[in-house]
PDB file of N, CA and C in Angstrom:
ATOM      1  N   UNK A   1      -6.098 -35.012 107.444  1.00  0.00           N
ATOM      2  CA  UNK A   1      -5.174 -35.754 106.956  1.00  0.00           C
ATOM      3  C   UNK A   1      -3.745 -36.727 107.621  1.00  0.00           C
ATOM      4  N   UNK A   2      -3.506 -37.582 107.352  1.00  0.00           N
ATOM      5  CA  UNK A   2      -2.083 -38.691 107.861  1.00  0.00           C
ATOM      6  C   UNK A   2      -1.013 -38.277 107.379  1.00  0.00           C
ATOM      7  N   UNK A   3       0.102 -37.788 107.705  1.00  0.00           N
ATOM      8  CA  UNK A   3       1.510 -38.090 107.512  1.00  0.00           C
ATOM      9  C   UNK A   3       2.499 -38.942 107.726  1.00  0.00           C
ATOM     10  N   UNK A   4       2.565 -39.973 106.987  1.00  0.00           N
ATOM     11  CA  UNK A   4       3.317 -40.831 107.074  1.00  0.00           C
ATOM     12  C   UNK A   4       4.677 -40.716 107.493  1.00  0.00           C
ATOM     13  N   UNK A   5       5.287 -41.171 108.983  1.00  0.00           N
ATOM     14  CA  UNK A   5       6.754 -40.868 109.002  1.00  0.00           C
ATOM     15  C   UNK A   5       7.110 -41.993 108.200  1.00  0.00           C
ATOM     16  N   UNK A   6       8.294 -41.394 107.503  1.00  0.00           N
ATOM     17  CA  UNK A   6       9.138 -41.946 106.497  1.00  0.00           C
ATOM     18  C   UNK A   6      10.097 -42.245 107.317  1.00  0.00           C
ATOM     19  N   UNK A   7      11.192 -43.175 106.809  1.00  0.00           N
ATOM     20  CA  UNK A   7      12.569 -43.341 107.465  1.00  0.00           C
ATOM     21  C   UNK A   7      13.710 -42.133 107.209  1.00  0.00           C
ATOM     22  N   UNK A   8      15.063 -42.337 107.456  1.00  0.00           N
ATOM     23  CA  UNK A   8      16.357 -41.075 107.209  1.00  0.00           C
ATOM     24  C   UNK A   8      15.765 -41.552 106.034  1.00  0.00           C
ATOM     25  N   UNK A   9      16.385 -40.189 105.615  1.00  0.00           N
ATOM     26  CA  UNK A   9      16.826 -40.099 104.063  1.00  0.00           C
ATOM     27  C   UNK A   9      18.180 -40.642 104.138  1.00  0.00           C
ATOM     28  N   UNK A  10      18.084 -41.670 102.608  1.00  0.00           N
ATOM     29  CA  UNK A  10      19.306 -42.774 102.630  1.00  0.00           C
ATOM     30  C   UNK A  10      20.643 -41.575 102.316  1.00  0.00           C
ATOM     31  N   UNK A  11      21.546 -42.277 103.101  1.00  0.00           N
ATOM     32  CA  UNK A  11      22.994 -41.593 103.047  1.00  0.00           C
ATOM     33  C   UNK A  11      23.912 -42.553 102.765  1.00  0.00           C
ATOM     34  N   UNK A  12      25.279 -42.520 102.666  1.00  0.00           N
ATOM     35  CA  UNK A  12      26.504 -42.951 102.549  1.00  0.00           C
ATOM     36  C   UNK A  12      26.357 -43.988 104.154  1.00  0.00           C
ATOM     37  N   UNK A  13      26.766 -45.329 103.801  1.00  0.00           N
ATOM     38  CA  UNK A  13      26.637 -46.332 105.187  1.00  0.00           C
ATOM     39  C   UNK A  13      28.085 -46.828 105.283  1.00  0.00           C
ATOM     40  N   UNK A  14      28.293 -47.783 106.220  1.00  0.00           N
ATOM     41  CA  UNK A  14      29.587 -48.021 105.947  1.00  0.00           C
ATOM     42  C   UNK A  14      30.223 -46.996 106.841  1.00  0.00           C
ATOM     43  N   UNK A  15      32.076 -47.595 106.666  1.00  0.00           N
ATOM     44  CA  UNK A  15      32.836 -46.318 107.351  1.00  0.00           C
ATOM     45  C   UNK A  15      32.691 -44.752 106.646  1.00  0.00           C
ATOM     46  N   UNK A  16      32.418 -45.130 105.013  1.00  0.00           N
ATOM     47  CA  UNK A  16      32.545 -43.688 104.884  1.00  0.00           C
ATOM     48  C   UNK A  16      31.340 -42.931 105.524  1.00  0.00           C
ATOM     49  N   UNK A  17      30.226 -43.398 106.024  1.00  0.00           N
ATOM     50  CA  UNK A  17      28.915 -43.005 106.953  1.00  0.00           C
ATOM     51  C   UNK A  17      29.456 -42.578 108.053  1.00  0.00           C
ATOM     52  N   UNK A  18      30.315 -43.320 108.496  1.00  0.00           N
ATOM     53  CA  UNK A  18      30.906 -42.953 109.782  1.00  0.00           C
ATOM     54  C   UNK A  18      31.652 -41.871 110.143  1.00  0.00           C
ATOM     55  N   UNK A  19      32.429 -41.659 108.641  1.00  0.00           N
ATOM     56  CA  UNK A  19      33.829 -40.648 108.756  1.00  0.00           C
ATOM     57  C   UNK A  19      32.824 -39.418 107.996  1.00  0.00           C
ATOM     58  N   UNK A  20      31.958 -39.398 107.463  1.00  0.00           N
ATOM     59  CA  UNK A  20      31.204 -38.565 107.131  1.00  0.00           C
ATOM     60  C   UNK A  20      30.444 -37.769 108.593  1.00  0.00           C
ATOM     61  N   UNK A  21      30.380 -38.778 109.246  1.00  0.00           N
ATOM     62  CA  UNK A  21      29.268 -37.903 110.759  1.00  0.00           C
ATOM     63  C   UNK A  21      30.358 -37.156 111.946  1.00  0.00           C
ATOM     64  N   UNK A  22      32.096 -37.814 111.564  1.00  0.00           N
ATOM     65  CA  UNK A  22      32.946 -37.561 112.520  1.00  0.00           C
ATOM     66  C   UNK A  22      34.027 -36.718 111.821  1.00  0.00           C
ATOM     67  N   UNK A  23      33.676 -35.910 110.574  1.00  0.00           N
ATOM     68  CA  UNK A  23      34.884 -35.440 110.009  1.00  0.00           C
ATOM     69  C   UNK A  23      35.280 -34.129 110.915  1.00  0.00           C
ATOM     70  N   UNK A  24      34.174 -33.307 111.212  1.00  0.00           N
ATOM     71  CA  UNK A  24      34.686 -31.789 111.994  1.00  0.00           C
ATOM     72  C   UNK A  24      35.137 -32.651 113.664  1.00  0.00           C
ATOM     73  N   UNK A  25      35.272 -33.169 114.178  1.00  0.00           N
ATOM     74  CA  UNK A  25      35.851 -33.592 115.274  1.00  0.00           C
ATOM     75  C   UNK A  25      36.848 -33.910 114.685  1.00  0.00           C
ATOM     76  N   UNK A  26      37.601 -35.059 113.400  1.00  0.00           N
ATOM     77  CA  UNK A  26      38.941 -35.160 112.602  1.00  0.00           C
ATOM     78  C   UNK A  26      39.512 -33.778 112.559  1.00  0.00           C
ATOM     79  N   UNK A  27      38.460 -32.703 111.990  1.00  0.00           N
ATOM     80  CA  UNK A  27      39.501 -31.443 111.680  1.00  0.00           C
ATOM     81  C   UNK A  27      39.999 -30.779 112.817  1.00  0.00           C
ATOM     82  N   UNK A  28      39.009 -30.725 113.573  1.00  0.00           N
ATOM     83  CA  UNK A  28      39.557 -30.491 115.299  1.00  0.00           C
ATOM     84  C   UNK A  28      40.428 -30.692 115.693  1.00  0.00           C
ATOM     85  N   UNK A  29      40.168 -31.853 115.632  1.00  0.00           N
ATOM     86  CA  UNK A  29      41.972 -32.518 116.761  1.00  0.00           C
ATOM     87  C   UNK A  29      42.827 -32.363 115.274  1.00  0.00           C
ATOM     88  N   UNK A  30      43.361 -32.002 114.105  1.00  0.00           N
ATOM     89  CA  UNK A  30      44.379 -31.725 113.257  1.00  0.00           C
ATOM     90  C   UNK A  30      44.927 -30.573 113.472  1.00  0.00           C
ATOM     91  N   UNK A  31      44.077 -29.785 113.431  1.00  0.00           N
ATOM     92  CA  UNK A  31      44.140 -28.550 113.585  1.00  0.00           C
ATOM     93  C   UNK A  31      45.030 -28.117 115.200  1.00  0.00           C
ATOM     94  N   UNK A  32      44.549 -28.807 115.951  1.00  0.00           N
ATOM     95  CA  UNK A  32      44.767 -28.507 117.405  1.00  0.00           C
ATOM     96  C   UNK A  32      46.482 -29.205 117.202  1.00  0.00           C
ATOM     97  N   UNK A  33      46.691 -30.544 116.835  1.00  0.00           N
ATOM     98  CA  UNK A  33      47.719 -30.682 116.549  1.00  0.00           C
ATOM     99  C   UNK A  33      49.307 -29.993 115.842  1.00  0.00           C
ATOM    100  N   UNK A  34      48.492 -29.216 114.546  1.00  0.00           N
ATOM    101  CA  UNK A  34      49.201 -28.579 113.891  1.00  0.00           C
ATOM    102  C   UNK A  34      49.642 -26.797 114.751  1.00  0.00           C
ATOM    103  N   UNK A  35      48.521 -26.785 115.278  1.00  0.00           N
ATOM    104  CA  UNK A  35      48.619 -25.023 115.919  1.00  0.00           C
ATOM    105  C   UNK A  35      49.561 -25.194 117.084  1.00  0.00           C
ATOM    106  N   UNK A  36      49.062 -26.094 117.909  1.00  0.00           N
ATOM    107  CA  UNK A  36      49.154 -26.552 119.433  1.00  0.00           C
ATOM    108  C   UNK A  36      50.549 -27.371 119.649  1.00  0.00           C
ATOM    109  N   UNK A  37      50.345 -28.542 119.715  1.00  0.00           N
ATOM    110  CA  UNK A  37      51.152 -29.765 119.965  1.00  0.00           C
ATOM    111  C   UNK A  37      52.370 -29.826 119.244  1.00  0.00           C
ATOM    112  N   UNK A  38      52.187 -29.531 117.942  1.00  0.00           N
ATOM    113  CA  UNK A  38      53.874 -29.815 117.211  1.00  0.00           C
ATOM    114  C   UNK A  38      54.726 -29.054 117.667  1.00  0.00           C
ATOM    115  N   UNK A  39      54.023 -27.060 117.411  1.00  0.00           N
ATOM    116  CA  UNK A  39      55.289 -26.203 117.846  1.00  0.00           C
ATOM    117  C   UNK A  39      55.797 -26.560 119.159  1.00  0.00           C
ATOM    118  N   UNK A  40      54.854 -26.771 120.245  1.00  0.00           N
ATOM    119  CA  UNK A  40      55.327 -27.226 121.627  1.00  0.00           C
ATOM    120  C   UNK A  40      56.185 -28.105 121.774  1.00  0.00           C
ATOM    121  N   UNK A  41      56.077 -29.341 121.069  1.00  0.00           N
ATOM    122  CA  UNK A  41      57.270 -30.421 121.068  1.00  0.00           C
ATOM    123  C   UNK A  41      58.325 -29.693 120.270  1.00  0.00           C
ATOM    124  N   UNK A  42      58.555 -28.964 119.280  1.00  0.00           N
ATOM    125  CA  UNK A  42      59.870 -28.469 118.423  1.00  0.00           C
ATOM    126  C   UNK A  42      60.448 -27.399 119.141  1.00  0.00           C
ATOM    127  N   UNK A  43      59.659 -26.552 120.000  1.00  0.00           N
ATOM    128  CA  UNK A  43      60.199 -25.546 120.822  1.00  0.00           C
ATOM    129  C   UNK A  43      61.154 -26.388 122.096  1.00  0.00           C
ATOM    130  N   UNK A  44      60.273 -27.298 122.514  1.00  0.00           N
ATOM    131  CA  UNK A  44      61.077 -28.009 124.175  1.00  0.00           C
ATOM    132  C   UNK A  44      62.362 -29.109 123.368  1.00  0.00           C
ATOM    133  N   UNK A  45      62.232 -29.611 121.836  1.00  0.00           N
ATOM    134  CA  UNK A  45      63.553 -30.196 121.757  1.00  0.00           C
ATOM    135  C   UNK A  45      64.622 -29.190 121.769  1.00  0.00           C
ATOM    136  N   UNK A  46      64.199 -27.931 120.886  1.00  0.00           N
ATOM    137  CA  UNK A  46      65.147 -26.986 120.579  1.00  0.00           C
ATOM    138  C   UNK A  46      65.535 -26.415 122.432  1.00  0.00           C
ATOM    139  N   UNK A  47      64.874 -26.287 123.116  1.00  0.00           N
ATOM    140  CA  UNK A  47      64.958 -25.967 124.815  1.00  0.00           C
ATOM    141  C   UNK A  47      66.402 -27.246 125.454  1.00  0.00           C
ATOM    142  N   UNK A  48      66.030 -28.126 125.211  1.00  0.00           N
ATOM    143  CA  UNK A  48      66.791 -29.367 125.725  1.00  0.00           C
ATOM    144  C   UNK A  48      68.403 -29.264 125.070  1.00  0.00           C
ATOM    145  N   UNK A  49      68.463 -29.572 123.668  1.00  0.00           N
ATOM    146  CA  UNK A  49      69.186 -29.151 122.786  1.00  0.00           C
ATOM    147  C   UNK A  49      70.462 -27.576 123.147  1.00  0.00           C
ATOM    148  N   UNK A  50      69.440 -26.943 123.521  1.00  0.00           N
ATOM    149  CA  UNK A  50      70.166 -25.748 124.752  1.00  0.00           C
ATOM    150  C   UNK A  50      71.020 -25.898 125.684  1.00  0.00           C
ATOM    151  N   UNK A  51      70.321 -26.664 126.531  1.00  0.00           N
ATOM    152  CA  UNK A  51      70.727 -26.945 127.600  1.00  0.00           C
ATOM    153  C   UNK A  51      71.868 -27.997 127.719  1.00  0.00           C
ATOM    154  N   UNK A  52      71.476 -29.081 126.600  1.00  0.00           N
ATOM    155  CA  UNK A  52      72.598 -29.610 126.449  1.00  0.00           C
ATOM    156  C   UNK A  52      74.263 -28.989 126.204  1.00  0.00           C
ATOM    157  N   UNK A  53      74.010 -28.028 125.214  1.00  0.00           N
ATOM    158  CA  UNK A  53      74.797 -27.638 124.538  1.00  0.00           C
ATOM    159  C   UNK A  53      75.542 -26.334 126.205  1.00  0.00           C
ATOM    160  N   UNK A  54      75.048 -26.720 127.075  1.00  0.00           N
ATOM    161  CA  UNK A  54      75.471 -25.174 128.068  1.00  0.00           C
ATOM    162  C   UNK A  54      76.911 -25.731 128.150  1.00  0.00           C
ATOM    163  N   UNK A  55      77.540 -24.723 128.561  1.00  0.00           N
ATOM    164  CA  UNK A  55      78.911 -25.152 128.670  1.00  0.00           C
ATOM    165  C   UNK A  55      79.942 -23.461 129.452  1.00  0.00           C
ATOM    166  N   UNK A  56      81.019 -24.116 129.840  1.00  0.00           N
ATOM    167  CA  UNK A  56      81.344 -22.544 130.873  1.00  0.00           C
ATOM    168  C   UNK A  56      81.958 -21.654 129.659  1.00  0.00           C
ATOM    169  N   UNK A  57      81.599 -20.866 130.460  1.00  0.00           N
ATOM    170  CA  UNK A  57      81.807 -18.884 130.079  1.00  0.00           C
ATOM    171  C   UNK A  57      80.803 -18.989 129.272  1.00  0.00           C
ATOM    172  N   UNK A  58      79.603 -19.181 128.756  1.00  0.00           N
ATOM    173  CA  UNK A  58      78.533 -19.066 128.348  1.00  0.00           C
ATOM    174  C   UNK A  58      77.686 -18.081 129.255  1.00  0.00           C
ATOM    175  N   UNK A  59      76.824 -16.742 128.918  1.00  0.00           N
ATOM    176  CA  UNK A  59      76.475 -15.926 129.288  1.00  0.00           C
ATOM    177  C   UNK A  59      74.810 -16.325 129.309  1.00  0.00           C
ATOM    178  N   UNK A  60      74.261 -16.542 130.037  1.00  0.00           N
ATOM    179  CA  UNK A  60      72.931 -16.858 130.353  1.00  0.00           C
ATOM    180  C   UNK A  60      72.314 -15.760 131.449  1.00  0.00           C
ATOM    181  N   UNK A  61      70.762 -16.113 130.845  1.00  0.00           N
ATOM    182  CA  UNK A  61      69.440 -15.609 131.935  1.00  0.00           C
ATOM    183  C   UNK A  61      68.358 -16.766 132.569  1.00  0.00           C
ATOM    184  N   UNK A  62      68.518 -17.056 133.726  1.00  0.00           N
ATOM    185  CA  UNK A  62      67.633 -18.083 134.693  1.00  0.00           C
ATOM    186  C   UNK A  62      66.117 -17.569 134.535  1.00  0.00           C
ATOM    187  N   UNK A  63      65.658 -18.310 134.877  1.00  0.00           N
ATOM    188  CA  UNK A  63      64.210 -17.966 134.717  1.00  0.00           C
ATOM    189  C   UNK A  63      63.615 -17.311 135.741  1.00  0.00           C
ATOM    190  N   UNK A  64      64.200 -16.707 136.662  1.00  0.00           N
ATOM    191  CA  UNK A  64      63.807 -16.230 137.725  1.00  0.00           C
ATOM    192  C   UNK A  64      64.730 -14.647 137.085  1.00  0.00           C
ATOM    193  N   UNK A  65      65.361 -14.636 136.000  1.00  0.00           N
ATOM    194  CA  UNK A  65      65.561 -13.606 135.321  1.00  0.00           C
ATOM    195  C   UNK A  65      67.035 -12.749 136.106  1.00  0.00           C
ATOM    196  N   UNK A  66      68.133 -13.620 136.834  1.00  0.00           N
ATOM    197  CA  UNK A  66      68.940 -13.481 136.811  1.00  0.00           C
ATOM    198  C   UNK A  66      70.033 -13.370 135.395  1.00  0.00           C
ATOM    199  N   UNK A  67      70.878 -12.615 135.546  1.00  0.00           N
ATOM    200  CA  UNK A  67      72.152 -12.866 134.507  1.00  0.00           C
ATOM    201  C   UNK A  67      73.122 -13.361 134.917  1.00  0.00           C
ATOM    202  N   UNK A  68      73.775 -14.009 134.385  1.00  0.00           N
ATOM    203  CA  UNK A  68      75.269 -14.676 134.906  1.00  0.00           C
ATOM    204  C   UNK A  68      76.281 -15.283 133.925  1.00  0.00           C
ATOM    205  N   UNK A  69      77.308 -15.879 134.495  1.00  0.00           N
ATOM    206  CA  UNK A  69      77.950 -16.831 133.450  1.00  0.00           C
ATOM    207  C   UNK A  69      78.507 -18.013 133.652  1.00  0.00           C
ATOM    208  N   UNK A  70      78.639 -18.754 133.069  1.00  0.00           N
ATOM    209  CA  UNK A  70      78.411 -20.331 133.733  1.00  0.00           C
ATOM    210  C   UNK A  70      80.161 -20.586 134.246  1.00  0.00           C
ATOM    211  N   UNK A  71      80.285 -21.030 135.140  1.00  0.00           N
ATOM    212  CA  UNK A  71      81.491 -21.203 135.595  1.00  0.00           C
ATOM    213  C   UNK A  71      81.614 -22.703 135.553  1.00  0.00           C
ATOM    214  N   UNK A  72      80.468 -23.692 136.116  1.00  0.00           N
ATOM    215  CA  UNK A  72      81.081 -24.755 136.229  1.00  0.00           C
ATOM    216  C   UNK A  72      79.345 -25.481 136.012  1.00  0.00           C
ATOM    217  N   UNK A  73      79.614 -26.771 134.956  1.00  0.00           N
ATOM    218  CA  UNK A  73      78.595 -27.622 134.395  1.00  0.00           C
ATOM    219  C   UNK A  73      78.518 -28.657 134.889  1.00  0.00           C
ATOM    220  N   UNK A  74      77.437 -29.744 135.487  1.00  0.00           N
ATOM    221  CA  UNK A  74      77.191 -30.569 135.390  1.00  0.00           C
ATOM    222  C   UNK A  74      76.240 -31.531 134.973  1.00  0.00           C
ATOM    223  N   UNK A  75      75.728 -32.743 134.953  1.00  0.00           N
ATOM    224  CA  UNK A  75      74.434 -33.434 134.125  1.00  0.00           C
ATOM    225  C   UNK A  75      73.107 -32.449 135.356  1.00  0.00           C
ATOM    226  N   UNK A  76      73.053 -32.070 136.413  1.00  0.00           N
ATOM    227  CA  UNK A  76      71.829 -31.610 136.890  1.00  0.00           C
ATOM    228  C   UNK A  76      72.285 -30.255 137.433  1.00  0.00           C
ATOM    229  N   UNK A  77      73.694 -29.613 137.320  1.00  0.00           N
ATOM    230  CA  UNK A  77      73.710 -28.237 138.097  1.00  0.00           C
ATOM    231  C   UNK A  77      74.827 -27.310 137.288  1.00  0.00           C
ATOM    232  N   UNK A  78      74.046 -26.165 137.400  1.00  0.00           N
ATOM    233  CA  UNK A  78      74.997 -24.969 136.984  1.00  0.00           C
ATOM    234  C   UNK A  78      75.667 -24.596 137.808  1.00  0.00           C
ATOM    235  N   UNK A  79      77.158 -23.721 137.842  1.00  0.00           N
ATOM    236  CA  UNK A  79      77.070 -22.554 138.985  1.00  0.00           C
ATOM    237  C   UNK A  79      77.753 -21.426 138.015  1.00  0.00           C
ATOM    238  N   UNK A  80      76.779 -20.349 138.703  1.00  0.00           N
ATOM    239  CA  UNK A  80      76.835 -19.343 137.620  1.00  0.00           C
ATOM    240  C   UNK A  80      77.351 -17.910 138.537  1.00  0.00           C
ATOM    241  N   UNK A  81      78.742 -17.338 137.601  1.00  0.00           N
ATOM    242  CA  UNK A  81      79.545 -16.092 138.764  1.00  0.00           C
ATOM    243  C   UNK A  81      77.972 -14.972 137.901  1.00  0.00           C
ATOM    244  N   UNK A  82      77.464 -14.305 139.110  1.00  0.00           N
ATOM    245  CA  UNK A  82      76.887 -13.132 138.879  1.00  0.00           C
ATOM    246  C   UNK A  82      77.484 -11.812 139.578  1.00  0.00           C
ATOM    247  N   UNK A  83      78.033 -11.730 140.527  1.00  0.00           N
ATOM    248  CA  UNK A  83      79.017 -10.282 139.946  1.00  0.00           C
ATOM    249  C   UNK A  83      80.528 -10.494 140.347  1.00  0.00           C
ATOM    250  N   UNK A  84      81.343 -10.126 139.473  1.00  0.00           N
ATOM    251  CA  UNK A  84      82.860 -10.556 139.208  1.00  0.00           C
ATOM    252  C   UNK A  84      83.303 -10.029 140.172  1.00  0.00           C
ATOM    253  N   UNK A  85      83.395  -8.799 140.753  1.00  0.00           N
ATOM    254  CA  UNK A  85      83.779  -7.505 141.221  1.00  0.00           C
ATOM    255  C   UNK A  85      83.681  -8.476 143.063  1.00  0.00           C
ATOM    256  N   UNK A  86      82.555  -8.765 143.270  1.00  0.00           N
ATOM    257  CA  UNK A  86      82.660  -9.402 144.880  1.00  0.00           C
ATOM    258  C   UNK A  86      82.735 -11.242 144.496  1.00  0.00           C
ATOM    259  N   UNK A  87      82.599 -11.769 143.305  1.00  0.00           N
ATOM    260  CA  UNK A  87      82.625 -12.951 143.328  1.00  0.00           C
ATOM    261  C   UNK A  87      81.951 -13.906 143.879  1.00  0.00           C
ATOM    262  N   UNK A  88      80.484 -13.409 143.424  1.00  0.00           N
ATOM    263  CA  UNK A  88      79.251 -14.127 143.959  1.00  0.00           C
ATOM    264  C   UNK A  88      79.155 -15.107 142.928  1.00  0.00           C
ATOM    265  N   UNK A  89      78.633 -16.397 143.432  1.00  0.00           N
ATOM    266  CA  UNK A  89      78.631 -17.506 142.723  1.00  0.00           C
ATOM    267  C   UNK A  89      76.636 -17.738 142.931  1.00  0.00           C
ATOM    268  N   UNK A  90      76.221 -18.685 142.096  1.00  0.00           N
ATOM    269  CA  UNK A  90      75.150 -19.256 142.415  1.00  0.00           C
ATOM    270  C   UNK A  90      75.181 -20.740 141.822  1.00  0.00           C
ATOM    271  N   UNK A  91      74.706 -21.673 142.921  1.00  0.00           N
ATOM    272  CA  UNK A  91      74.475 -22.869 142.318  1.00  0.00           C
ATOM    273  C   UNK A  91      72.951 -23.436 142.052  1.00  0.00           C
ATOM    274  N   UNK A  92      72.637 -23.701 141.034  1.00  0.00           N
ATOM    275  CA  UNK A  92      71.196 -24.132 140.699  1.00  0.00           C
ATOM    276  C   UNK A  92      71.033 -24.838 139.516  1.00  0.00           C
ATOM    277  N   UNK A  93      69.780 -25.516 139.509  1.00  0.00           N
ATOM    278  CA  UNK A  93      69.579 -26.602 138.644  1.00  0.00           C
ATOM    279  C   UNK A  93      69.898 -26.029 137.311  1.00  0.00           C
ATOM    280  N   UNK A  94      70.161 -27.196 136.357  1.00  0.00           N
ATOM    281  CA  UNK A  94      70.486 -27.104 134.871  1.00  0.00           C
ATOM    282  C   UNK A  94      69.342 -26.481 134.217  1.00  0.00           C
ATOM    283  N   UNK A  95      67.904 -27.352 134.631  1.00  0.00           N
ATOM    284  CA  UNK A  95      66.531 -26.784 133.869  1.00  0.00           C
ATOM    285  C   UNK A  95      66.293 -25.523 134.178  1.00  0.00           C
ATOM    286  N   UNK A  96      67.054 -25.131 134.886  1.00  0.00           N
ATOM    287  CA  UNK A  96      66.471 -22.981 135.860  1.00  0.00           C
ATOM    288  C   UNK A  96      67.178 -22.132 134.471  1.00  0.00           C
ATOM    289  N   UNK A  97      68.152 -22.928 133.302  1.00  0.00           N
ATOM    290  CA  UNK A  97      68.466 -21.760 132.555  1.00  0.00           C
ATOM    291  C   UNK A  97      67.671 -21.413 131.748  1.00  0.00           C
ATOM    292  N   UNK A  98      67.800 -20.155 131.232  1.00  0.00           N
ATOM    293  CA  UNK A  98      66.076 -20.161 130.096  1.00  0.00           C
ATOM    294  C   UNK A  98      66.379 -19.883 128.800  1.00  0.00           C
ATOM    295  N   UNK A  99      68.190 -19.246 128.881  1.00  0.00           N
ATOM    296  CA  UNK A  99      68.515 -19.202 127.372  1.00  0.00           C
ATOM    297  C   UNK A  99      69.977 -18.749 127.490  1.00  0.00           C
ATOM    298  N   UNK A 100      70.002 -18.852 126.321  1.00  0.00           N
ATOM    299  CA  UNK A 100      72.030 -18.292 126.779  1.00  0.00           C
ATOM    300  C   UNK A 100      72.073 -16.974 125.883  1.00  0.00           C
ATOM    301  N   UNK A 101      72.811 -16.273 126.116  1.00  0.00           N
ATOM    302  CA  UNK A 101      72.985 -14.807 125.798  1.00  0.00           C
ATOM    303  C   UNK A 101      74.014 -14.549 125.080  1.00  0.00           C
ATOM    304  N   UNK A 102      73.624 -13.913 123.715  1.00  0.00           N
ATOM    305  CA  UNK A 102      74.984 -13.726 123.089  1.00  0.00           C
ATOM    306  C   UNK A 102      75.581 -12.717 123.378  1.00  0.00           C
ATOM    307  N   UNK A 103      76.771 -12.438 122.734  1.00  0.00           N
ATOM    308  CA  UNK A 103      77.234 -10.677 123.386  1.00  0.00           C
ATOM    309  C   UNK A 103      76.930  -9.259 122.492  1.00  0.00           C
ATOM    310  N   UNK A 104      76.340 -10.214 121.228  1.00  0.00           N
ATOM    311  CA  UNK A 104      76.215  -9.171 120.431  1.00  0.00           C
ATOM    312  C   UNK A 104      74.188  -8.571 120.971  1.00  0.00           C
ATOM    313  N   UNK A 105      73.996  -9.327 121.406  1.00  0.00           N
ATOM    314  CA  UNK A 105      72.552  -9.278 122.061  1.00  0.00           C
ATOM    315  C   UNK A 105      72.441  -8.461 123.128  1.00  0.00           C
ATOM    316  N   UNK A 106      73.873  -8.445 123.672  1.00  0.00           N
ATOM    317  CA  UNK A 106      73.355  -7.244 125.208  1.00  0.00           C
ATOM    318  C   UNK A 106      74.099  -6.424 124.977  1.00  0.00           C
ATOM    319  N   UNK A 107      74.684  -5.978 123.404  1.00  0.00           N
ATOM    320  CA  UNK A 107      75.314  -4.555 123.047  1.00  0.00           C
ATOM    321  C   UNK A 107      76.686  -4.482 123.539  1.00  0.00           C
ATOM    322  N   UNK A 108      77.681  -5.719 124.259  1.00  0.00           N
ATOM    323  CA  UNK A 108      78.804  -5.962 124.270  1.00  0.00           C
ATOM    324  C   UNK A 108      79.976  -5.743 123.359  1.00  0.00           C
ATOM    325  N   UNK A 109      79.461  -5.177 121.694  1.00  0.00           N
ATOM    326  CA  UNK A 109      80.599  -5.924 121.562  1.00  0.00           C
ATOM    327  C   UNK A 109      81.728  -5.007 121.214  1.00  0.00           C
ATOM    328  N   UNK A 110      83.092  -6.061 120.730  1.00  0.00           N
ATOM    329  CA  UNK A 110      84.357  -4.651 121.044  1.00  0.00           C
ATOM    330  C   UNK A 110      84.111  -3.772 120.282  1.00  0.00           C
ATOM    331  N   UNK A 111      84.785  -2.788 120.883  1.00  0.00           N
ATOM    332  CA  UNK A 111      85.233  -1.273 120.717  1.00  0.00           C
ATOM    333  C   UNK A 111      85.964  -1.372 119.253  1.00  0.00           C
ATOM    334  N   UNK A 112      85.614  -0.821 118.199  1.00  0.00           N
ATOM    335  CA  UNK A 112      86.622  -0.903 117.340  1.00  0.00           C
ATOM    336  C   UNK A 112      87.821  -0.237 117.619  1.00  0.00           C
ATOM    337  N   UNK A 113      88.758  -0.758 116.820  1.00  0.00           N
ATOM    338  CA  UNK A 113      90.020   0.008 116.811  1.00  0.00           C
ATOM    339  C   UNK A 113      90.361   1.346 115.931  1.00  0.00           C
ATOM    340  N   UNK A 114      91.160   2.139 116.677  1.00  0.00           N
ATOM    341  CA  UNK A 114      91.056   3.571 116.143  1.00  0.00           C
ATOM    342  C   UNK A 114      92.224   3.104 115.279  1.00  0.00           C
ATOM    343  N   UNK A 115      92.381   3.766 113.930  1.00  0.00           N
ATOM    344  CA  UNK A 115      93.365   3.606 112.679  1.00  0.00           C
ATOM    345  C   UNK A 115      94.515   5.239 112.727  1.00  0.00           C
TER     346      UNK A 115
END
């Protein structure tokens, strides 16, 4: 017995047919955008805003883990006071600042007054 080869089963044609074939790829690209690219952009935007708001007397931590107090800020450089007793200062690039540390986060809240 001979089996006759028949054509492909009828399916959607045109633009809808192409989209039906590529929907898994489109879905993967959308998921990657939502899970990876968009959060990274917002994180970088917040970091740039933090660097722009850097001012004198802010307590900061650098990417290398150095804690200090900002003494001078220019467009590209930051001067940090690292040791107050010895007046040791470091001059570094502005992008090397990792975060601004609040006094509350360090546990240096002012002591309550005795009544």
